Amino acid sequence: YLQWVVLREGEESERWLQAKAISERLVWSVDPRPVSSDTRAELLRMIPEVVEELRKA
């Protein structure tokens, strides 16, 4: 999907920037780094947002 979006729409397109941001957040949710005292709370807040963004994509 990412390759298709960047090739079709370009690196400056809004769709590419959104897809890239979702991918980065998804990877971070699997391996959150750096780990701090707020990491768990941030992860719990972010997971529903990432799921919703993936459904829209």
PDB file of N, CA and C in Angstrom:
ATOM      1  N   TYR A   1       0.818  -1.191   0.000  1.00  0.00           N
ATOM      2  CA  TYR A   1       0.000   0.000   0.000  1.00  0.00           C
ATOM      3  C   TYR A   1       0.863   1.256   0.000  1.00  0.00           C
ATOM      4  N   LEU A   2       1.872   1.277   0.855  1.00  0.00           N
ATOM      5  CA  LEU A   2       2.731   2.468   0.933  1.00  0.00           C
ATOM      6  C   LEU A   2       3.418   2.743  -0.397  1.00  0.00           C
ATOM      7  N   GLN A   3       3.934   1.688  -1.006  1.00  0.00           N
ATOM      8  CA  GLN A   3       4.615   1.859  -2.283  1.00  0.00           C
ATOM      9  C   GLN A   3       3.641   2.390  -3.341  1.00  0.00           C
ATOM     10  N   TRP A   4       2.448   1.853  -3.367  1.00  0.00           N
ATOM     11  CA  TRP A   4       1.442   2.288  -4.324  1.00  0.00           C
ATOM     12  C   TRP A   4       1.123   3.774  -4.136  1.00  0.00           C
ATOM     13  N   VAL A   5       0.935   4.185  -2.888  1.00  0.00           N
ATOM     14  CA  VAL A   5       0.582   5.582  -2.606  1.00  0.00           C
ATOM     15  C   VAL A   5       1.704   6.523  -3.030  1.00  0.00           C
ATOM     16  N   VAL A   6       2.935   6.207  -2.658  1.00  0.00           N
ATOM     17  CA  VAL A   6       4.032   7.123  -2.982  1.00  0.00           C
ATOM     18  C   VAL A   6       4.282   7.182  -4.488  1.00  0.00           C
ATOM     19  N   LEU A   7       4.147   6.059  -5.174  1.00  0.00           N
ATOM     20  CA  LEU A   7       4.364   6.077  -6.619  1.00  0.00           C
ATOM     21  C   LEU A   7       3.225   6.782  -7.356  1.00  0.00           C
ATOM     22  N   ARG A   8       2.029   6.599  -6.903  1.00  0.00           N
ATOM     23  CA  ARG A   8       0.881   7.196  -7.580  1.00  0.00           C
ATOM     24  C   ARG A   8       0.694   8.669  -7.238  1.00  0.00           C
ATOM     25  N   GLU A   9       0.895   9.006  -5.971  1.00  0.00           N
ATOM     26  CA  GLU A   9       0.554  10.353  -5.509  1.00  0.00           C
ATOM     27  C   GLU A   9       1.765  11.245  -5.245  1.00  0.00           C
ATOM     28  N   GLY A  10       2.936  10.648  -5.039  1.00  0.00           N
ATOM     29  CA  GLY A  10       4.139  11.428  -4.802  1.00  0.00           C
ATOM     30  C   GLY A  10       4.431  11.649  -3.329  1.00  0.00           C
ATOM     31  N   GLU A  11       5.688  11.969  -3.050  1.00  0.00           N
ATOM     32  CA  GLU A  11       6.152  12.127  -1.672  1.00  0.00           C
ATOM     33  C   GLU A  11       5.606  13.364  -0.977  1.00  0.00           C
ATOM     34  N   GLU A  12       5.092  14.310  -1.712  1.00  0.00           N
ATOM     35  CA  GLU A  12       4.578  15.544  -1.122  1.00  0.00           C
ATOM     36  C   GLU A  12       3.059  15.522  -0.942  1.00  0.00           C
ATOM     37  N   SER A  13       2.416  14.447  -1.380  1.00  0.00           N
ATOM     38  CA  SER A  13       0.954  14.400  -1.323  1.00  0.00           C
ATOM     39  C   SER A  13       0.455  14.209   0.109  1.00  0.00           C
ATOM     40  N   GLU A  14      -0.732  14.703   0.344  1.00  0.00           N
ATOM     41  CA  GLU A  14      -1.355  14.571   1.662  1.00  0.00           C
ATOM     42  C   GLU A  14      -1.598  13.101   2.001  1.00  0.00           C
ATOM     43  N   ARG A  15      -2.023  12.345   1.014  1.00  0.00           N
ATOM     44  CA  ARG A  15      -2.286  10.913   1.246  1.00  0.00           C
ATOM     45  C   ARG A  15      -1.020  10.177   1.661  1.00  0.00           C
ATOM     46  N   TRP A  16       0.105  10.476   1.012  1.00  0.00           N
ATOM     47  CA  TRP A  16       1.371   9.846   1.370  1.00  0.00           C
ATOM     48  C   TRP A  16       1.794  10.239   2.780  1.00  0.00           C
ATOM     49  N   LEU A  17       1.690  11.509   3.102  1.00  0.00           N
ATOM     50  CA  LEU A  17       2.088  11.971   4.431  1.00  0.00           C
ATOM     51  C   LEU A  17       1.236  11.314   5.512  1.00  0.00           C
ATOM     52  N   GLN A  18      -0.052  11.142   5.251  1.00  0.00           N
ATOM     53  CA  GLN A  18      -0.922  10.465   6.210  1.00  0.00           C
ATOM     54  C   GLN A  18      -0.561   8.991   6.340  1.00  0.00           C
ATOM     55  N   ALA A  19      -0.338   8.316   5.225  1.00  0.00           N
ATOM     56  CA  ALA A  19       0.019   6.896   5.249  1.00  0.00           C
ATOM     57  C   ALA A  19       1.341   6.679   5.977  1.00  0.00           C
ATOM     58  N   LYS A  20       2.286   7.562   5.733  1.00  0.00           N
ATOM     59  CA  LYS A  20       3.589   7.471   6.392  1.00  0.00           C
ATOM     60  C   LYS A  20       3.446   7.674   7.900  1.00  0.00           C
ATOM     61  N   ALA A  21       2.655   8.652   8.297  1.00  0.00           N
ATOM     62  CA  ALA A  21       2.448   8.924   9.725  1.00  0.00           C
ATOM     63  C   ALA A  21       1.764   7.748  10.417  1.00  0.00           C
ATOM     64  N   ILE A  22       0.759   7.166   9.774  1.00  0.00           N
ATOM     65  CA  ILE A  22       0.079   6.004  10.349  1.00  0.00           C
ATOM     66  C   ILE A  22       1.060   4.848  10.509  1.00  0.00           C
ATOM     67  N   SER A  23       1.888   4.623   9.502  1.00  0.00           N
ATOM     68  CA  SER A  23       2.872   3.540   9.565  1.00  0.00           C
ATOM     69  C   SER A  23       3.853   3.745  10.706  1.00  0.00           C
ATOM     70  N   GLU A  24       4.321   4.967  10.866  1.00  0.00           N
ATOM     71  CA  GLU A  24       5.268   5.259  11.945  1.00  0.00           C
ATOM     72  C   GLU A  24       4.622   5.039  13.309  1.00  0.00           C
ATOM     73  N   ARG A  25       3.372   5.459  13.453  1.00  0.00           N
ATOM     74  CA  ARG A  25       2.667   5.269  14.723  1.00  0.00           C
ATOM     75  C   ARG A  25       2.402   3.792  14.988  1.00  0.00           C
ATOM     76  N   LEU A  26       2.078   3.042  13.941  1.00  0.00           N
ATOM     77  CA  LEU A  26       1.830   1.611  14.090  1.00  0.00           C
ATOM     78  C   LEU A  26       3.096   0.887  14.538  1.00  0.00           C
ATOM     79  N   VAL A  27       4.214   1.191  13.923  1.00  0.00           N
ATOM     80  CA  VAL A  27       5.490   0.581  14.319  1.00  0.00           C
ATOM     81  C   VAL A  27       5.827   0.959  15.752  1.00  0.00           C
ATOM     82  N   TRP A  28       5.650   2.220  16.113  1.00  0.00           N
ATOM     83  CA  TRP A  28       5.938   2.656  17.481  1.00  0.00           C
ATOM     84  C   TRP A  28       5.052   1.918  18.480  1.00  0.00           C
ATOM     85  N   SER A  29       3.792   1.652  18.123  1.00  0.00           N
ATOM     86  CA  SER A  29       2.881   0.977  19.051  1.00  0.00           C
ATOM     87  C   SER A  29       3.317  -0.451  19.343  1.00  0.00           C
ATOM     88  N   VAL A  30       4.058  -1.060  18.432  1.00  0.00           N
ATOM     89  CA  VAL A  30       4.558  -2.419  18.634  1.00  0.00           C
ATOM     90  C   VAL A  30       5.845  -2.408  19.454  1.00  0.00           C
ATOM     91  N   ASP A  31       6.668  -1.395  19.256  1.00  0.00           N
ATOM     92  CA  ASP A  31       7.954  -1.295  19.955  1.00  0.00           C
ATOM     93  C   ASP A  31       8.187   0.157  20.362  1.00  0.00           C
ATOM     94  N   PRO A  32       7.495   0.611  21.418  1.00  0.00           N
ATOM     95  CA  PRO A  32       7.576   2.026  21.802  1.00  0.00           C
ATOM     96  C   PRO A  32       8.942   2.415  22.362  1.00  0.00           C
ATOM     97  N   ARG A  33       9.582   3.325  21.655  1.00  0.00           N
ATOM     98  CA  ARG A  33      10.870   3.844  22.106  1.00  0.00           C
ATOM     99  C   ARG A  33      10.916   5.323  21.839  1.00  0.00           C
ATOM    100  N   PRO A  34      11.480   6.093  22.657  1.00  0.00           N
ATOM    101  CA  PRO A  34      12.059   5.750  23.957  1.00  0.00           C
ATOM    102  C   PRO A  34      10.960   5.501  24.990  1.00  0.00           C
ATOM    103  N   VAL A  35      11.273   4.664  25.949  1.00  0.00           N
ATOM    104  CA  VAL A  35      10.324   4.338  27.009  1.00  0.00           C
ATOM    105  C   VAL A  35      10.498   5.334  28.146  1.00  0.00           C
ATOM    106  N   SER A  36       9.382   5.914  28.567  1.00  0.00           N
ATOM    107  CA  SER A  36       9.399   6.859  29.678  1.00  0.00           C
ATOM    108  C   SER A  36       8.223   6.539  30.588  1.00  0.00           C
ATOM    109  N   SER A  37       8.045   7.324  31.604  1.00  0.00           N
ATOM    110  CA  SER A  37       6.940   7.097  32.536  1.00  0.00           C
ATOM    111  C   SER A  37       5.584   7.329  31.871  1.00  0.00           C
ATOM    112  N   ASP A  38       5.552   8.085  30.789  1.00  0.00           N
ATOM    113  CA  ASP A  38       4.300   8.381  30.093  1.00  0.00           C
ATOM    114  C   ASP A  38       4.022   7.454  28.911  1.00  0.00           C
ATOM    115  N   THR A  39       4.933   6.532  28.625  1.00  0.00           N
ATOM    116  CA  THR A  39       4.808   5.697  27.438  1.00  0.00           C
ATOM    117  C   THR A  39       3.530   4.868  27.446  1.00  0.00           C
ATOM    118  N   ARG A  40       3.232   4.231  28.559  1.00  0.00           N
ATOM    119  CA  ARG A  40       2.042   3.372  28.626  1.00  0.00           C
ATOM    120  C   ARG A  40       0.770   4.185  28.381  1.00  0.00           C
ATOM    121  N   ALA A  41       0.656   5.326  29.020  1.00  0.00           N
ATOM    122  CA  ALA A  41      -0.524   6.174  28.843  1.00  0.00           C
ATOM    123  C   ALA A  41      -0.640   6.649  27.398  1.00  0.00           C
ATOM    124  N   GLU A  42       0.471   7.029  26.815  1.00  0.00           N
ATOM    125  CA  GLU A  42       0.462   7.481  25.422  1.00  0.00           C
ATOM    126  C   GLU A  42       0.059   6.343  24.489  1.00  0.00           C
ATOM    127  N   LEU A  43       0.575   5.157  24.760  1.00  0.00           N
ATOM    128  CA  LEU A  43       0.246   3.990  23.950  1.00  0.00           C
ATOM    129  C   LEU A  43      -1.244   3.661  24.040  1.00  0.00           C
ATOM    130  N   LEU A  44      -1.795   3.671  25.244  1.00  0.00           N
ATOM    131  CA  LEU A  44      -3.218   3.383  25.425  1.00  0.00           C
ATOM    132  C   LEU A  44      -4.102   4.434  24.753  1.00  0.00           C
ATOM    133  N   ARG A  45      -3.660   5.668  24.724  1.00  0.00           N
ATOM    134  CA  ARG A  45      -4.403   6.734  24.073  1.00  0.00           C
ATOM    135  C   ARG A  45      -4.329   6.611  22.553  1.00  0.00           C
ATOM    136  N   MET A  46      -3.172   6.202  22.064  1.00  0.00           N
ATOM    137  CA  MET A  46      -2.919   6.202  20.640  1.00  0.00           C
ATOM    138  C   MET A  46      -3.513   4.992  19.911  1.00  0.00           C
ATOM    139  N   ILE A  47      -3.604   3.845  20.549  1.00  0.00           N
ATOM    140  CA  ILE A  47      -4.052   2.629  19.867  1.00  0.00           C
ATOM    141  C   ILE A  47      -5.421   2.796  19.201  1.00  0.00           C
ATOM    142  N   PRO A  48      -6.434   3.306  19.892  1.00  0.00           N
ATOM    143  CA  PRO A  48      -7.723   3.478  19.203  1.00  0.00           C
ATOM    144  C   PRO A  48      -7.644   4.428  18.001  1.00  0.00           C
ATOM    145  N   GLU A  49      -6.818   5.446  18.094  1.00  0.00           N
ATOM    146  CA  GLU A  49      -6.650   6.381  16.980  1.00  0.00           C
ATOM    147  C   GLU A  49      -6.029   5.687  15.777  1.00  0.00           C
ATOM    148  N   VAL A  50      -5.009   4.866  16.019  1.00  0.00           N
ATOM    149  CA  VAL A  50      -4.338   4.153  14.932  1.00  0.00           C
ATOM    150  C   VAL A  50      -5.302   3.165  14.279  1.00  0.00           C
ATOM    151  N   VAL A  51      -6.061   2.449  15.084  1.00  0.00           N
ATOM    152  CA  VAL A  51      -7.034   1.495  14.542  1.00  0.00           C
ATOM    153  C   VAL A  51      -8.046   2.220  13.654  1.00  0.00           C
ATOM    154  N   GLU A  52      -8.546   3.343  14.108  1.00  0.00           N
ATOM    155  CA  GLU A  52      -9.515   4.110  13.321  1.00  0.00           C
ATOM    156  C   GLU A  52      -8.893   4.619  12.021  1.00  0.00           C
ATOM    157  N   GLU A  53      -7.667   5.093  12.075  1.00  0.00           N
ATOM    158  CA  GLU A  53      -6.991   5.576  10.867  1.00  0.00           C
ATOM    159  C   GLU A  53      -6.764   4.441   9.874  1.00  0.00           C
ATOM    160  N   LEU A  54      -6.435   3.251  10.375  1.00  0.00           N
ATOM    161  CA  LEU A  54      -6.241   2.101   9.490  1.00  0.00           C
ATOM    162  C   LEU A  54      -7.561   1.692   8.829  1.00  0.00           C
ATOM    163  N   ARG A  55      -8.644   1.791   9.545  1.00  0.00           N
ATOM    164  CA  ARG A  55      -9.953   1.461   8.963  1.00  0.00           C
ATOM    165  C   ARG A  55     -10.313   2.425   7.839  1.00  0.00           C
ATOM    166  N   LYS A  56      -9.945   3.682   7.989  1.00  0.00           N
ATOM    167  CA  LYS A  56     -10.259   4.694   6.978  1.00  0.00           C
ATOM    168  C   LYS A  56      -9.386   4.552   5.735  1.00  0.00           C
ATOM    169  N   ALA A  57      -8.184   4.028   5.911  1.00  0.00           N
ATOM    170  CA  ALA A  57      -7.210   3.973   4.810  1.00  0.00           C
ATOM    171  C   ALA A  57      -7.565   2.992   3.734  1.00  0.00           C
TER     172      ALA A  57
END
